Amino acid sequence: MKKRPIRAGAKGGSRYDALLDIFEPDMTSARLDVLFADLKSWLPTLLASVVEKQSLNPPVAPQGPFPIAGQRELGLEAMRILGFDFDGGRLDISAHPFCGGVPQDVRITTRL
């Protein structure tokens, strides 16, 4: 992107605000400062609490092998729990997993 159009779009604000407006209309660095100030007031304490709690119960490594059909069903169930729209996407098997698409057609691939 060239500097001239960015400066022209700044409307008296910073170049960062002009770029920010492209990706999040009506957002400004001043508004972000307020949002992040709120996060800074409680997030570090929460994070420390979570890290401490997790250190008391280390994760258990899964012991396989696991049936392929069960792995696929687990993936599908996770997608359902997260509200995935199966009318607008699907889960497929691929040697090289990826996720992509457009909002009306999302493809998730996995390797089992």
Foldseek 3Di string as FASTA:
>chain_A
DDPVVLVVQQVPHDSVQSVVCVVPNPDGVVNVVVVVVVCVVPVVVVVVVVVVVCVVPPDDDDDDDDDPVVVVVVVVVVCVVVPPDVQQEDEEEDPDWDWDDDPSYIYTYDHD
